[in-house]
Amino acid sequence: MIKFLSYKLKKLNPYIPGEQPYKKMIKLNTNENPYPPTQKIKNLLKNFNSYNLRLYPDPTTSNLRKNIAKRYKIKYEQIFVGNGSDEVLALSFLAFFCQKLPLIIPNITYSFYPVYCKLYNIKYKTIPLNKNLEITLNKMNIPNGGIIFANPNTPTGHAISYIEIINLIESHNDSVVLIDEAYINFGSESAIPLIKKYKNLLIVNTLSKAHSLAGIRIGFAIGSNHLIKGLEKVKNSFNSYPIDIISELIAVEAIKDIKYLKNKCNYIIYIRENLSKKLKLIGFRVLPSKANFILVKPINISAKDLFIKLRNHGILVRYFNNLNDYLRISIGTIQQMNYLLETIKWLYLLN
């Protein structure tokens, strides 16, 4: 029945998410938060009136947008909410990057970016990371139809300085510069304050990582009124009701509890730095990270072999074909990290 499929499908290589195991394993491969969301969400769900499920949700997600505006001290009109940051990114590609000139993307970054380009037939050019696997923004100073990068980058964890970002935006005021800040809460500095000055800047974030809400799929964008209207036009040409009633209520509680968010992220940062230090003592190369994961290069064993051995011992980490010397390890609980270290040490004794 291939003849019934669109010709576009033949050219697509879809994004492949991290493995979701069917048996109990220590899951350190998809950058999920190991700790639960704020307790206020549990109380909310206990008291939720299911009678309200008969109604369509608010197509403008006004309650959540008001709370995001209050949290970041910006205007309501500068916020767009979508069904996970992946949907926000997909709509952004369609709204801003279908241009005559190519979109600029780092060659090693979130692998969904080139998938969107191929889906929408967007021309793109990749810029190599430097020898330390860092994004160098000055290499993006070429004619373009837009620029996108993750800060901190994935899967490397490298964070870009504020001054580098400002220099890039000012050099490309005729292009949309999209910064994917999915991991910004784990030790880096958000560029959100810059949207007040730069009308071509769009920041995309998610509640999946720092807020421990990967299960409800809420993402948002912050930018100038003009960019937000562009996103709304695309959204309302596709699906006017992307966020369900329960998810919006949950997201509001998470956004409001800033104290819990900061305490949890600081604890994950502490675990990350402790794990990095101990892996370095074993002899691993560990890249500096400002995310809730680390990228590591093992010694005396290939990354792929270590990935397989860890999986056989009930630990899932992430192996990438385009980074075949490295493994990405999501930061879990202290107990999970201790078990990971013990397992690695034991495997090295056997080699």
C-alpha atoms as a PDB file:
ATOM      1  CA  MET A   1       0.000   0.000   0.000  1.00  0.00           C
ATOM      2  CA  ILE A   2       3.073   2.267  -0.360  1.00  0.00           C
ATOM      3  CA  LYS A   3       1.417   4.094  -3.294  1.00  0.00           C
ATOM      4  CA  PHE A   4      -1.026   5.775  -0.908  1.00  0.00           C
ATOM      5  CA  LEU A   5       1.729   7.442   1.141  1.00  0.00           C
ATOM      6  CA  SER A   6       2.860  11.017   0.570  1.00  0.00           C
ATOM      7  CA  TYR A   7       6.098  11.434  -1.393  1.00  0.00           C
ATOM      8  CA  LYS A   8       7.457  13.397   1.588  1.00  0.00           C
ATOM      9  CA  LEU A   9       7.550  10.277   3.738  1.00  0.00           C
ATOM     10  CA  LYS A  10      10.223   8.716   1.523  1.00  0.00           C
ATOM     11  CA  LYS A  11      12.681  11.478   2.488  1.00  0.00           C
ATOM     12  CA  LEU A  12      11.990  11.541   6.222  1.00  0.00           C
ATOM     13  CA  ASN A  13      14.234  10.027   8.877  1.00  0.00           C
ATOM     14  CA  PRO A  14      12.193  10.579  12.053  1.00  0.00           C
ATOM     15  CA  TYR A  15      13.641  11.572  15.404  1.00  0.00           C
ATOM     16  CA  ILE A  16      14.417   8.524  17.557  1.00  0.00           C
ATOM     17  CA  PRO A  17      13.677   9.084  21.259  1.00  0.00           C
ATOM     18  CA  GLY A  18      15.547   7.386  24.069  1.00  0.00           C
ATOM     19  CA  GLU A  19      14.522   3.810  24.795  1.00  0.00           C
ATOM     20  CA  GLN A  20      11.537   3.357  27.091  1.00  0.00           C
ATOM     21  CA  PRO A  21      12.156   0.025  28.856  1.00  0.00           C
ATOM     22  CA  TYR A  22       9.430  -2.541  29.430  1.00  0.00           C
ATOM     23  CA  LYS A  23      11.162  -4.005  32.468  1.00  0.00           C
ATOM     24  CA  LYS A  24      12.423  -2.287  35.599  1.00  0.00           C
ATOM     25  CA  MET A  25      15.743  -0.573  34.913  1.00  0.00           C
ATOM     26  CA  ILE A  26      17.660   2.464  36.133  1.00  0.00           C
ATOM     27  CA  LYS A  27      16.682   4.894  33.406  1.00  0.00           C
ATOM     28  CA  LEU A  28      19.413   7.453  32.719  1.00  0.00           C
ATOM     29  CA  ASN A  29      18.860   7.898  28.988  1.00  0.00           C
ATOM     30  CA  THR A  30      16.107  10.496  28.453  1.00  0.00           C
ATOM     31  CA  ASN A  31      17.018  13.356  30.831  1.00  0.00           C
ATOM     32  CA  GLU A  32      13.889  12.954  32.915  1.00  0.00           C
ATOM     33  CA  ASN A  33      13.959  14.507  36.363  1.00  0.00           C
ATOM     34  CA  PRO A  34      14.462  11.812  39.037  1.00  0.00           C
ATOM     35  CA  TYR A  35      12.432  13.771  41.588  1.00  0.00           C
ATOM     36  CA  PRO A  36       8.665  14.374  41.664  1.00  0.00           C
ATOM     37  CA  PRO A  37       6.981  17.678  40.830  1.00  0.00           C
ATOM     38  CA  THR A  38       5.768  20.031  43.537  1.00  0.00           C
ATOM     39  CA  GLN A  39       3.475  18.479  46.168  1.00  0.00           C
ATOM     40  CA  LYS A  40       0.871  21.123  45.279  1.00  0.00           C
ATOM     41  CA  ILE A  41       0.077  19.145  42.127  1.00  0.00           C
ATOM     42  CA  LYS A  42      -0.906  16.089  44.151  1.00  0.00           C
ATOM     43  CA  ASN A  43      -3.299  18.214  46.191  1.00  0.00           C
ATOM     44  CA  LEU A  44      -4.714  19.751  43.010  1.00  0.00           C
ATOM     45  CA  LEU A  45      -5.479  16.366  41.430  1.00  0.00           C
ATOM     46  CA  LYS A  46      -7.220  15.149  44.586  1.00  0.00           C
ATOM     47  CA  ASN A  47      -9.684  18.012  44.347  1.00  0.00           C
ATOM     48  CA  PHE A  48     -10.126  18.154  40.565  1.00  0.00           C
ATOM     49  CA  ASN A  49     -13.767  18.194  39.429  1.00  0.00           C
ATOM     50  CA  SER A  50     -14.023  15.654  36.590  1.00  0.00           C
ATOM     51  CA  TYR A  51     -17.306  17.263  35.472  1.00  0.00           C
ATOM     52  CA  ASN A  52     -15.187  19.953  33.809  1.00  0.00           C
ATOM     53  CA  LEU A  53     -13.738  17.402  31.375  1.00  0.00           C
ATOM     54  CA  ARG A  54     -16.903  17.677  29.263  1.00  0.00           C
ATOM     55  CA  LEU A  55     -15.747  21.149  28.152  1.00  0.00           C
ATOM     56  CA  TYR A  56     -13.129  22.108  25.600  1.00  0.00           C
ATOM     57  CA  PRO A  57     -10.031  23.652  27.168  1.00  0.00           C
ATOM     58  CA  ASP A  58      -9.241  27.357  26.922  1.00  0.00           C
ATOM     59  CA  PRO A  59      -7.704  27.775  23.427  1.00  0.00           C
ATOM     60  CA  THR A  60      -5.544  30.671  24.684  1.00  0.00           C
ATOM     61  CA  THR A  61      -4.272  28.858  27.846  1.00  0.00           C
ATOM     62  CA  SER A  62      -4.733  32.253  29.515  1.00  0.00           C
ATOM     63  CA  ASN A  63      -4.289  31.084  33.123  1.00  0.00           C
ATOM     64  CA  LEU A  64      -0.910  29.487  32.420  1.00  0.00           C
ATOM     65  CA  ARG A  65       0.261  32.404  30.287  1.00  0.00           C
ATOM     66  CA  LYS A  66      -0.617  34.866  33.057  1.00  0.00           C
ATOM     67  CA  ASN A  67       1.417  32.867  35.545  1.00  0.00           C
ATOM     68  CA  ILE A  68       4.391  32.546  33.176  1.00  0.00           C
ATOM     69  CA  ALA A  69       4.213  36.304  32.599  1.00  0.00           C
ATOM     70  CA  LYS A  70       4.263  36.935  36.340  1.00  0.00           C
ATOM     71  CA  ARG A  71       7.133  34.510  36.903  1.00  0.00           C
ATOM     72  CA  TYR A  72       9.395  36.043  34.237  1.00  0.00           C
ATOM     73  CA  LYS A  73       8.178  39.649  34.590  1.00  0.00           C
ATOM     74  CA  ILE A  74       7.067  39.934  30.983  1.00  0.00           C
ATOM     75  CA  LYS A  75       3.811  40.678  29.173  1.00  0.00           C
ATOM     76  CA  TYR A  76       1.071  38.125  28.621  1.00  0.00           C
ATOM     77  CA  GLU A  77       1.194  38.850  24.873  1.00  0.00           C
ATOM     78  CA  GLN A  78       4.849  37.756  24.753  1.00  0.00           C
ATOM     79  CA  ILE A  79       4.042  34.127  25.632  1.00  0.00           C
ATOM     80  CA  PHE A  80       3.005  31.154  23.520  1.00  0.00           C
ATOM     81  CA  VAL A  81       2.135  27.755  25.023  1.00  0.00           C
ATOM     82  CA  GLY A  82       2.248  24.436  23.192  1.00  0.00           C
ATOM     83  CA  ASN A  83       1.939  20.711  23.711  1.00  0.00           C
ATOM     84  CA  GLY A  84       5.537  20.190  24.799  1.00  0.00           C
ATOM     85  CA  SER A  85       8.493  22.224  23.553  1.00  0.00           C
ATOM     86  CA  ASP A  86       8.729  19.839  20.577  1.00  0.00           C
ATOM     87  CA  GLU A  87       5.398  21.164  19.288  1.00  0.00           C
ATOM     88  CA  VAL A  88       6.483  24.764  19.969  1.00  0.00           C
ATOM     89  CA  LEU A  89       9.683  24.108  18.004  1.00  0.00           C
ATOM     90  CA  ALA A  90       7.800  22.432  15.140  1.00  0.00           C
ATOM     91  CA  LEU A  91       5.445  25.402  14.834  1.00  0.00           C
ATOM     92  CA  SER A  92       8.402  27.809  15.047  1.00  0.00           C
ATOM     93  CA  PHE A  93      10.160  26.104  12.133  1.00  0.00           C
ATOM     94  CA  LEU A  94       7.029  26.496  10.016  1.00  0.00           C
ATOM     95  CA  ALA A  95       6.382  30.076  11.145  1.00  0.00           C
ATOM     96  CA  PHE A  96       9.899  31.516  10.802  1.00  0.00           C
ATOM     97  CA  PHE A  97      12.387  29.312   8.961  1.00  0.00           C
ATOM     98  CA  CYS A  98      10.799  28.621   5.555  1.00  0.00           C
ATOM     99  CA  GLN A  99      13.128  31.144   3.933  1.00  0.00           C
ATOM    100  CA  LYS A 100      15.246  31.433   0.784  1.00  0.00           C
ATOM    101  CA  LEU A 101      18.480  31.349   2.783  1.00  0.00           C
ATOM    102  CA  PRO A 102      19.397  28.300   4.923  1.00  0.00           C
ATOM    103  CA  LEU A 103      18.702  27.915   8.620  1.00  0.00           C
ATOM    104  CA  ILE A 104      21.905  27.703  10.670  1.00  0.00           C
ATOM    105  CA  ILE A 105      22.166  24.753  13.095  1.00  0.00           C
ATOM    106  CA  PRO A 106      25.096  23.310  15.106  1.00  0.00           C
ATOM    107  CA  ASN A 107      26.173  19.970  13.618  1.00  0.00           C
ATOM    108  CA  ILE A 108      25.818  18.249  17.004  1.00  0.00           C
ATOM    109  CA  THR A 109      22.697  19.327  18.862  1.00  0.00           C
ATOM    110  CA  TYR A 110      19.079  18.278  19.425  1.00  0.00           C
ATOM    111  CA  SER A 111      18.523  15.865  16.551  1.00  0.00           C
ATOM    112  CA  PHE A 112      14.921  16.947  16.009  1.00  0.00           C
ATOM    113  CA  TYR A 113      16.085  20.182  14.295  1.00  0.00           C
ATOM    114  CA  PRO A 114      17.114  18.596  10.969  1.00  0.00           C
ATOM    115  CA  VAL A 115      13.997  16.396  11.095  1.00  0.00           C
ATOM    116  CA  TYR A 116      11.800  19.507  11.120  1.00  0.00           C
ATOM    117  CA  CYS A 117      13.851  20.970   8.270  1.00  0.00           C
ATOM    118  CA  LYS A 118      13.274  17.908   6.105  1.00  0.00           C
ATOM    119  CA  LEU A 119       9.585  17.755   7.023  1.00  0.00           C
ATOM    120  CA  TYR A 120       9.011  21.373   5.947  1.00  0.00           C
ATOM    121  CA  ASN A 121      11.573  21.333   3.120  1.00  0.00           C
ATOM    122  CA  ILE A 122      13.693  23.988   4.860  1.00  0.00           C
ATOM    123  CA  LYS A 123      17.236  24.498   3.636  1.00  0.00           C
ATOM    124  CA  TYR A 124      19.764  24.301   6.451  1.00  0.00           C
ATOM    125  CA  LYS A 125      23.498  24.497   7.041  1.00  0.00           C
ATOM    126  CA  THR A 126      25.297  22.843   9.958  1.00  0.00           C
ATOM    127  CA  ILE A 127      28.164  24.536  11.794  1.00  0.00           C
ATOM    128  CA  PRO A 128      30.751  22.184  13.369  1.00  0.00           C
ATOM    129  CA  LEU A 129      31.407  22.298  17.095  1.00  0.00           C
ATOM    130  CA  ASN A 130      34.986  23.097  18.101  1.00  0.00           C
ATOM    131  CA  LYS A 131      37.483  20.462  19.290  1.00  0.00           C
ATOM    132  CA  ASN A 132      36.044  20.711  22.831  1.00  0.00           C
ATOM    133  CA  LEU A 133      32.544  19.991  21.459  1.00  0.00           C
ATOM    134  CA  GLU A 134      31.408  23.560  22.126  1.00  0.00           C
ATOM    135  CA  ILE A 135      29.153  25.768  19.996  1.00  0.00           C
ATOM    136  CA  THR A 136      31.062  28.770  18.663  1.00  0.00           C
ATOM    137  CA  LEU A 137      28.477  31.384  17.746  1.00  0.00           C
ATOM    138  CA  ASN A 138      30.871  33.558  15.740  1.00  0.00           C
ATOM    139  CA  LYS A 139      31.023  30.772  13.118  1.00  0.00           C
ATOM    140  CA  MET A 140      27.292  31.384  12.559  1.00  0.00           C
ATOM    141  CA  ASN A 141      27.968  34.875  11.222  1.00  0.00           C
ATOM    142  CA  ILE A 142      27.039  34.003   7.654  1.00  0.00           C
ATOM    143  CA  PRO A 143      23.962  34.879   5.531  1.00  0.00           C
ATOM    144  CA  ASN A 144      21.004  32.884   6.827  1.00  0.00           C
ATOM    145  CA  GLY A 145      17.254  32.451   7.016  1.00  0.00           C
ATOM    146  CA  GLY A 146      17.380  31.995  10.790  1.00  0.00           C
ATOM    147  CA  ILE A 147      19.549  30.560  13.550  1.00  0.00           C
ATOM    148  CA  ILE A 148      18.696  27.929  16.147  1.00  0.00           C
ATOM    149  CA  PHE A 149      20.737  26.389  18.943  1.00  0.00           C
ATOM    150  CA  ALA A 150      20.171  24.809  22.335  1.00  0.00           C
ATOM    151  CA  ASN A 151      21.636  26.529  25.386  1.00  0.00           C
ATOM    152  CA  PRO A 152      22.858  24.506  27.210  1.00  0.00           C
ATOM    153  CA  ASN A 153      23.461  22.350  24.176  1.00  0.00           C
ATOM    154  CA  THR A 154      22.352  18.757  23.981  1.00  0.00           C
ATOM    155  CA  PRO A 155      23.915  16.218  24.189  1.00  0.00           C
ATOM    156  CA  THR A 156      27.085  18.049  25.302  1.00  0.00           C
ATOM    157  CA  GLY A 157      25.798  20.211  28.178  1.00  0.00           C
ATOM    158  CA  HIS A 158      27.886  23.179  27.018  1.00  0.00           C
ATOM    159  CA  ALA A 159      26.445  26.606  27.923  1.00  0.00           C
ATOM    160  CA  ILE A 160      27.047  29.784  25.933  1.00  0.00           C
ATOM    161  CA  SER A 161      27.914  33.102  27.559  1.00  0.00           C
ATOM    162  CA  TYR A 162      25.522  36.066  27.584  1.00  0.00           C
ATOM    163  CA  ILE A 163      27.901  38.320  25.680  1.00  0.00           C
ATOM    164  CA  GLU A 164      28.274  35.773  22.842  1.00  0.00           C
ATOM    165  CA  ILE A 165      24.489  35.588  22.514  1.00  0.00           C
ATOM    166  CA  ILE A 166      24.124  39.382  22.422  1.00  0.00           C
ATOM    167  CA  ASN A 167      26.811  39.695  19.755  1.00  0.00           C
ATOM    168  CA  LEU A 168      25.089  37.069  17.613  1.00  0.00           C
ATOM    169  CA  ILE A 169      21.625  38.652  17.869  1.00  0.00           C
ATOM    170  CA  GLU A 170      22.958  42.109  17.035  1.00  0.00           C
ATOM    171  CA  SER A 171      24.747  40.719  13.981  1.00  0.00           C
ATOM    172  CA  HIS A 172      21.545  39.153  12.612  1.00  0.00           C
ATOM    173  CA  ASN A 173      18.676  41.536  13.336  1.00  0.00           C
ATOM    174  CA  ASP A 174      16.906  40.501  10.096  1.00  0.00           C
ATOM    175  CA  SER A 175      16.728  36.811  11.110  1.00  0.00           C
ATOM    176  CA  VAL A 176      14.909  35.017  13.899  1.00  0.00           C
ATOM    177  CA  VAL A 177      17.351  33.691  16.485  1.00  0.00           C
ATOM    178  CA  LEU A 178      15.726  30.823  18.406  1.00  0.00           C
ATOM    179  CA  ILE A 179      17.357  29.638  21.635  1.00  0.00           C
ATOM    180  CA  ASP A 180      16.135  26.314  22.993  1.00  0.00           C
ATOM    181  CA  GLU A 181      16.488  26.622  26.788  1.00  0.00           C
ATOM    182  CA  ALA A 182      15.139  23.206  27.807  1.00  0.00           C
ATOM    183  CA  TYR A 183      18.008  22.759  30.322  1.00  0.00           C
ATOM    184  CA  ILE A 184      18.538  26.371  31.408  1.00  0.00           C
ATOM    185  CA  ASN A 185      17.555  25.797  35.060  1.00  0.00           C
ATOM    186  CA  PHE A 186      20.509  23.529  35.785  1.00  0.00           C
ATOM    187  CA  GLY A 187      23.171  26.206  36.134  1.00  0.00           C
ATOM    188  CA  SER A 188      23.062  28.491  33.110  1.00  0.00           C
ATOM    189  CA  GLU A 189      21.690  31.992  32.480  1.00  0.00           C
ATOM    190  CA  SER A 190      18.478  32.514  30.526  1.00  0.00           C
ATOM    191  CA  ALA A 191      18.342  34.993  27.658  1.00  0.00           C
ATOM    192  CA  ILE A 192      14.714  35.882  28.432  1.00  0.00           C
ATOM    193  CA  PRO A 193      15.605  39.425  29.647  1.00  0.00           C
ATOM    194  CA  LEU A 194      16.988  40.138  26.170  1.00  0.00           C
ATOM    195  CA  ILE A 195      13.585  39.852  24.468  1.00  0.00           C
ATOM    196  CA  LYS A 196      12.715  43.348  25.709  1.00  0.00           C
ATOM    197  CA  LYS A 197      15.460  44.753  23.472  1.00  0.00           C
ATOM    198  CA  TYR A 198      15.689  42.285  20.569  1.00  0.00           C
ATOM    199  CA  LYS A 199      12.499  41.726  18.561  1.00  0.00           C
ATOM    200  CA  ASN A 200      14.044  38.862  16.557  1.00  0.00           C
ATOM    201  CA  LEU A 201      14.808  36.690  19.612  1.00  0.00           C
ATOM    202  CA  LEU A 202      12.606  33.719  20.525  1.00  0.00           C
ATOM    203  CA  ILE A 203      13.202  31.621  23.657  1.00  0.00           C
ATOM    204  CA  VAL A 204      11.684  28.131  23.899  1.00  0.00           C
ATOM    205  CA  ASN A 205      11.446  26.215  27.166  1.00  0.00           C
ATOM    206  CA  THR A 206       9.714  23.172  28.624  1.00  0.00           C
ATOM    207  CA  LEU A 207       8.266  21.958  31.908  1.00  0.00           C
ATOM    208  CA  SER A 208       9.497  18.419  31.198  1.00  0.00           C
ATOM    209  CA  LYS A 209      12.980  18.725  32.697  1.00  0.00           C
ATOM    210  CA  ALA A 210      13.399  21.068  35.653  1.00  0.00           C
ATOM    211  CA  HIS A 211       9.721  20.966  36.649  1.00  0.00           C
ATOM    212  CA  SER A 212       9.492  17.127  36.484  1.00  0.00           C
ATOM    213  CA  LEU A 213       6.487  17.226  34.148  1.00  0.00           C
ATOM    214  CA  ALA A 214       7.587  15.231  31.092  1.00  0.00           C
ATOM    215  CA  GLY A 215       4.352  13.244  31.405  1.00  0.00           C
ATOM    216  CA  ILE A 216       2.011  16.134  30.591  1.00  0.00           C
ATOM    217  CA  ARG A 217       3.865  17.732  27.621  1.00  0.00           C
ATOM    218  CA  ILE A 218       3.887  21.491  28.217  1.00  0.00           C
ATOM    219  CA  GLY A 219       6.284  23.837  26.462  1.00  0.00           C
ATOM    220  CA  PHE A 220       6.276  27.568  25.881  1.00  0.00           C
ATOM    221  CA  ALA A 221       7.937  30.312  23.848  1.00  0.00           C
ATOM    222  CA  ILE A 222       8.756  33.860  24.892  1.00  0.00           C
ATOM    223  CA  GLY A 223       9.360  36.584  22.353  1.00  0.00           C
ATOM    224  CA  SER A 224       8.120  39.810  20.815  1.00  0.00           C
ATOM    225  CA  ASN A 225       4.402  40.262  20.134  1.00  0.00           C
ATOM    226  CA  HIS A 226       5.110  39.916  16.415  1.00  0.00           C
ATOM    227  CA  LEU A 227       6.763  36.494  16.798  1.00  0.00           C
ATOM    228  CA  ILE A 228       4.074  35.227  19.171  1.00  0.00           C
ATOM    229  CA  LYS A 229       1.338  36.242  16.728  1.00  0.00           C
ATOM    230  CA  GLY A 230       3.173  34.272  14.053  1.00  0.00           C
ATOM    231  CA  LEU A 231       3.139  31.163  16.231  1.00  0.00           C
ATOM    232  CA  GLU A 232      -0.539  31.646  17.066  1.00  0.00           C
ATOM    233  CA  LYS A 233      -1.407  31.917  13.375  1.00  0.00           C
ATOM    234  CA  VAL A 234       0.290  28.593  12.628  1.00  0.00           C
ATOM    235  CA  LYS A 235      -1.197  26.903  15.707  1.00  0.00           C
ATOM    236  CA  ASN A 236      -4.720  28.034  14.891  1.00  0.00           C
ATOM    237  CA  SER A 237      -4.300  26.698  11.356  1.00  0.00           C
ATOM    238  CA  PHE A 238      -3.482  23.296  12.821  1.00  0.00           C
ATOM    239  CA  ASN A 239      -5.060  22.754  16.263  1.00  0.00           C
ATOM    240  CA  SER A 240      -6.822  25.423  18.324  1.00  0.00           C
ATOM    241  CA  TYR A 241      -6.973  23.293  21.497  1.00  0.00           C
ATOM    242  CA  PRO A 242      -3.514  21.793  22.134  1.00  0.00           C
ATOM    243  CA  ILE A 243      -3.400  22.011  25.954  1.00  0.00           C
ATOM    244  CA  ASP A 244      -5.922  20.011  27.970  1.00  0.00           C
ATOM    245  CA  ILE A 245      -7.642  21.308  31.117  1.00  0.00           C
ATOM    246  CA  ILE A 246      -5.762  19.133  33.619  1.00  0.00           C
ATOM    247  CA  SER A 247      -2.334  19.789  32.110  1.00  0.00           C
ATOM    248  CA  GLU A 248      -2.830  23.549  32.285  1.00  0.00           C
ATOM    249  CA  LEU A 249      -3.838  23.408  35.950  1.00  0.00           C
ATOM    250  CA  ILE A 250      -0.835  21.219  36.776  1.00  0.00           C
ATOM    251  CA  ALA A 251       1.515  23.520  34.875  1.00  0.00           C
ATOM    252  CA  VAL A 252       0.249  26.579  36.755  1.00  0.00           C
ATOM    253  CA  GLU A 253       1.048  24.970  40.110  1.00  0.00           C
ATOM    254  CA  ALA A 254       4.541  24.049  38.911  1.00  0.00           C
ATOM    255  CA  ILE A 255       5.281  27.545  37.578  1.00  0.00           C
ATOM    256  CA  LYS A 256       4.155  29.153  40.837  1.00  0.00           C
ATOM    257  CA  ASP A 257       6.333  27.021  43.125  1.00  0.00           C
ATOM    258  CA  ILE A 258       9.669  28.681  42.362  1.00  0.00           C
ATOM    259  CA  LYS A 259      11.237  27.767  45.710  1.00  0.00           C
ATOM    260  CA  TYR A 260      10.723  24.039  45.152  1.00  0.00           C
ATOM    261  CA  LEU A 261      12.077  24.316  41.606  1.00  0.00           C
ATOM    262  CA  LYS A 262      15.291  26.056  42.712  1.00  0.00           C
ATOM    263  CA  ASN A 263      15.935  23.633  45.581  1.00  0.00           C
ATOM    264  CA  LYS A 264      15.441  20.590  43.339  1.00  0.00           C
ATOM    265  CA  CYS A 265      17.637  21.962  40.534  1.00  0.00           C
ATOM    266  CA  ASN A 266      20.396  22.908  42.969  1.00  0.00           C
ATOM    267  CA  TYR A 267      20.353  19.371  44.348  1.00  0.00           C
ATOM    268  CA  ILE A 268      20.628  17.909  40.832  1.00  0.00           C
ATOM    269  CA  ILE A 269      23.555  20.258  40.131  1.00  0.00           C
ATOM    270  CA  TYR A 270      25.258  18.993  43.291  1.00  0.00           C
ATOM    271  CA  ILE A 271      24.769  15.358  42.196  1.00  0.00           C
ATOM    272  CA  ARG A 272      26.003  16.168  38.679  1.00  0.00           C
ATOM    273  CA  GLU A 273      29.220  17.754  39.905  1.00  0.00           C
ATOM    274  CA  ASN A 274      29.861  14.921  42.363  1.00  0.00           C
ATOM    275  CA  LEU A 275      29.338  12.278  39.667  1.00  0.00           C
ATOM    276  CA  SER A 276      31.589  14.179  37.236  1.00  0.00           C
ATOM    277  CA  LYS A 277      34.381  14.353  39.804  1.00  0.00           C
ATOM    278  CA  LYS A 278      34.211  10.625  40.567  1.00  0.00           C
ATOM    279  CA  LEU A 279      34.137   9.591  36.906  1.00  0.00           C
ATOM    280  CA  LYS A 280      37.205  11.763  36.250  1.00  0.00           C
ATOM    281  CA  LEU A 281      39.006   9.943  39.064  1.00  0.00           C
ATOM    282  CA  ILE A 282      38.317   6.660  37.254  1.00  0.00           C
ATOM    283  CA  GLY A 283      39.882   8.177  34.144  1.00  0.00           C
ATOM    284  CA  PHE A 284      36.826   9.174  32.129  1.00  0.00           C
ATOM    285  CA  ARG A 285      36.784  12.378  30.122  1.00  0.00           C
ATOM    286  CA  VAL A 286      33.769  14.353  31.367  1.00  0.00           C
ATOM    287  CA  LEU A 287      32.681  17.450  29.472  1.00  0.00           C
ATOM    288  CA  PRO A 288      31.652  20.486  31.573  1.00  0.00           C
ATOM    289  CA  SER A 289      27.861  20.501  31.798  1.00  0.00           C
ATOM    290  CA  LYS A 290      25.176  23.001  32.762  1.00  0.00           C
ATOM    291  CA  ALA A 291      22.369  20.526  32.105  1.00  0.00           C
ATOM    292  CA  ASN A 292      20.821  17.581  33.980  1.00  0.00           C
ATOM    293  CA  PHE A 293      23.132  15.190  32.141  1.00  0.00           C
ATOM    294  CA  ILE A 294      26.818  14.740  31.395  1.00  0.00           C
ATOM    295  CA  LEU A 295      28.628  13.584  28.270  1.00  0.00           C
ATOM    296  CA  VAL A 296      31.472  11.204  29.082  1.00  0.00           C
ATOM    297  CA  LYS A 297      34.210   9.367  27.212  1.00  0.00           C
ATOM    298  CA  PRO A 298      35.192   6.075  28.867  1.00  0.00           C
ATOM    299  CA  ILE A 299      38.728   4.683  28.905  1.00  0.00           C
ATOM    300  CA  ASN A 300      39.986   1.265  27.796  1.00  0.00           C
ATOM    301  CA  ILE A 301      36.549   0.337  26.438  1.00  0.00           C
ATOM    302  CA  SER A 302      34.444   1.714  23.607  1.00  0.00           C
ATOM    303  CA  ALA A 303      31.414   3.809  24.492  1.00  0.00           C
ATOM    304  CA  LYS A 304      29.199   1.337  22.635  1.00  0.00           C
ATOM    305  CA  ASP A 305      30.577  -1.661  24.543  1.00  0.00           C
ATOM    306  CA  LEU A 306      30.118   0.122  27.876  1.00  0.00           C
ATOM    307  CA  PHE A 307      26.574   1.101  26.855  1.00  0.00           C
ATOM    308  CA  ILE A 308      25.762  -2.568  26.176  1.00  0.00           C
ATOM    309  CA  LYS A 309      27.383  -3.798  29.391  1.00  0.00           C
ATOM    310  CA  LEU A 310      25.544  -1.217  31.495  1.00  0.00           C
ATOM    311  CA  ARG A 311      22.266  -2.152  29.833  1.00  0.00           C
ATOM    312  CA  ASN A 312      22.901  -5.814  30.628  1.00  0.00           C
ATOM    313  CA  HIS A 313      23.264  -4.755  34.267  1.00  0.00           C
ATOM    314  CA  GLY A 314      19.965  -2.853  34.320  1.00  0.00           C
ATOM    315  CA  ILE A 315      21.256   0.672  33.598  1.00  0.00           C
ATOM    316  CA  LEU A 316      20.144   2.595  30.526  1.00  0.00           C
ATOM    317  CA  VAL A 317      22.314   5.466  29.277  1.00  0.00           C
ATOM    318  CA  ARG A 318      22.315   7.095  25.811  1.00  0.00           C
ATOM    319  CA  TYR A 319      24.636   6.161  22.958  1.00  0.00           C
ATOM    320  CA  PHE A 320      24.705   8.304  19.797  1.00  0.00           C
ATOM    321  CA  ASN A 321      26.067   7.125  16.456  1.00  0.00           C
ATOM    322  CA  ASN A 322      27.380  10.619  15.675  1.00  0.00           C
ATOM    323  CA  LEU A 323      29.278  10.731  18.994  1.00  0.00           C
ATOM    324  CA  ASN A 324      30.540   7.185  19.061  1.00  0.00           C
ATOM    325  CA  ASP A 325      33.294   7.872  21.620  1.00  0.00           C
ATOM    326  CA  TYR A 326      30.874   9.239  24.201  1.00  0.00           C
ATOM    327  CA  LEU A 327      27.893   8.294  26.346  1.00  0.00           C
ATOM    328  CA  ARG A 328      25.305  10.697  27.715  1.00  0.00           C
ATOM    329  CA  ILE A 329      24.253  10.008  31.291  1.00  0.00           C
ATOM    330  CA  SER A 330      21.148  11.651  32.754  1.00  0.00           C
ATOM    331  CA  ILE A 331      21.508  12.735  36.374  1.00  0.00           C
ATOM    332  CA  GLY A 332      19.471  10.517  38.666  1.00  0.00           C
ATOM    333  CA  THR A 333      19.193  10.232  42.428  1.00  0.00           C
ATOM    334  CA  ILE A 334      22.285   9.876  44.609  1.00  0.00           C
ATOM    335  CA  GLN A 335      21.433   6.200  45.052  1.00  0.00           C
ATOM    336  CA  GLN A 336      21.202   5.661  41.287  1.00  0.00           C
ATOM    337  CA  MET A 337      24.499   7.479  40.675  1.00  0.00           C
ATOM    338  CA  ASN A 338      26.223   5.403  43.359  1.00  0.00           C
ATOM    339  CA  TYR A 339      24.949   2.199  41.755  1.00  0.00           C
ATOM    340  CA  LEU A 340      26.130   3.442  38.341  1.00  0.00           C
ATOM    341  CA  LEU A 341      29.626   4.140  39.707  1.00  0.00           C
ATOM    342  CA  GLU A 342      29.815   0.780  41.502  1.00  0.00           C
ATOM    343  CA  THR A 343      28.763  -1.009  38.309  1.00  0.00           C
ATOM    344  CA  ILE A 344      31.319   0.842  36.175  1.00  0.00           C
ATOM    345  CA  LYS A 345      34.100   0.059  38.662  1.00  0.00           C
ATOM    346  CA  TRP A 346      33.080  -3.599  38.728  1.00  0.00           C
ATOM    347  CA  LEU A 347      32.999  -3.799  34.927  1.00  0.00           C
ATOM    348  CA  TYR A 348      36.482  -2.297  34.735  1.00  0.00           C
ATOM    349  CA  LEU A 349      37.822  -4.921  37.127  1.00  0.00           C
ATOM    350  CA  LEU A 350      36.538  -7.599  34.756  1.00  0.00           C
ATOM    351  CA  ASN A 351      38.209  -6.056  31.672  1.00  0.00           C
END
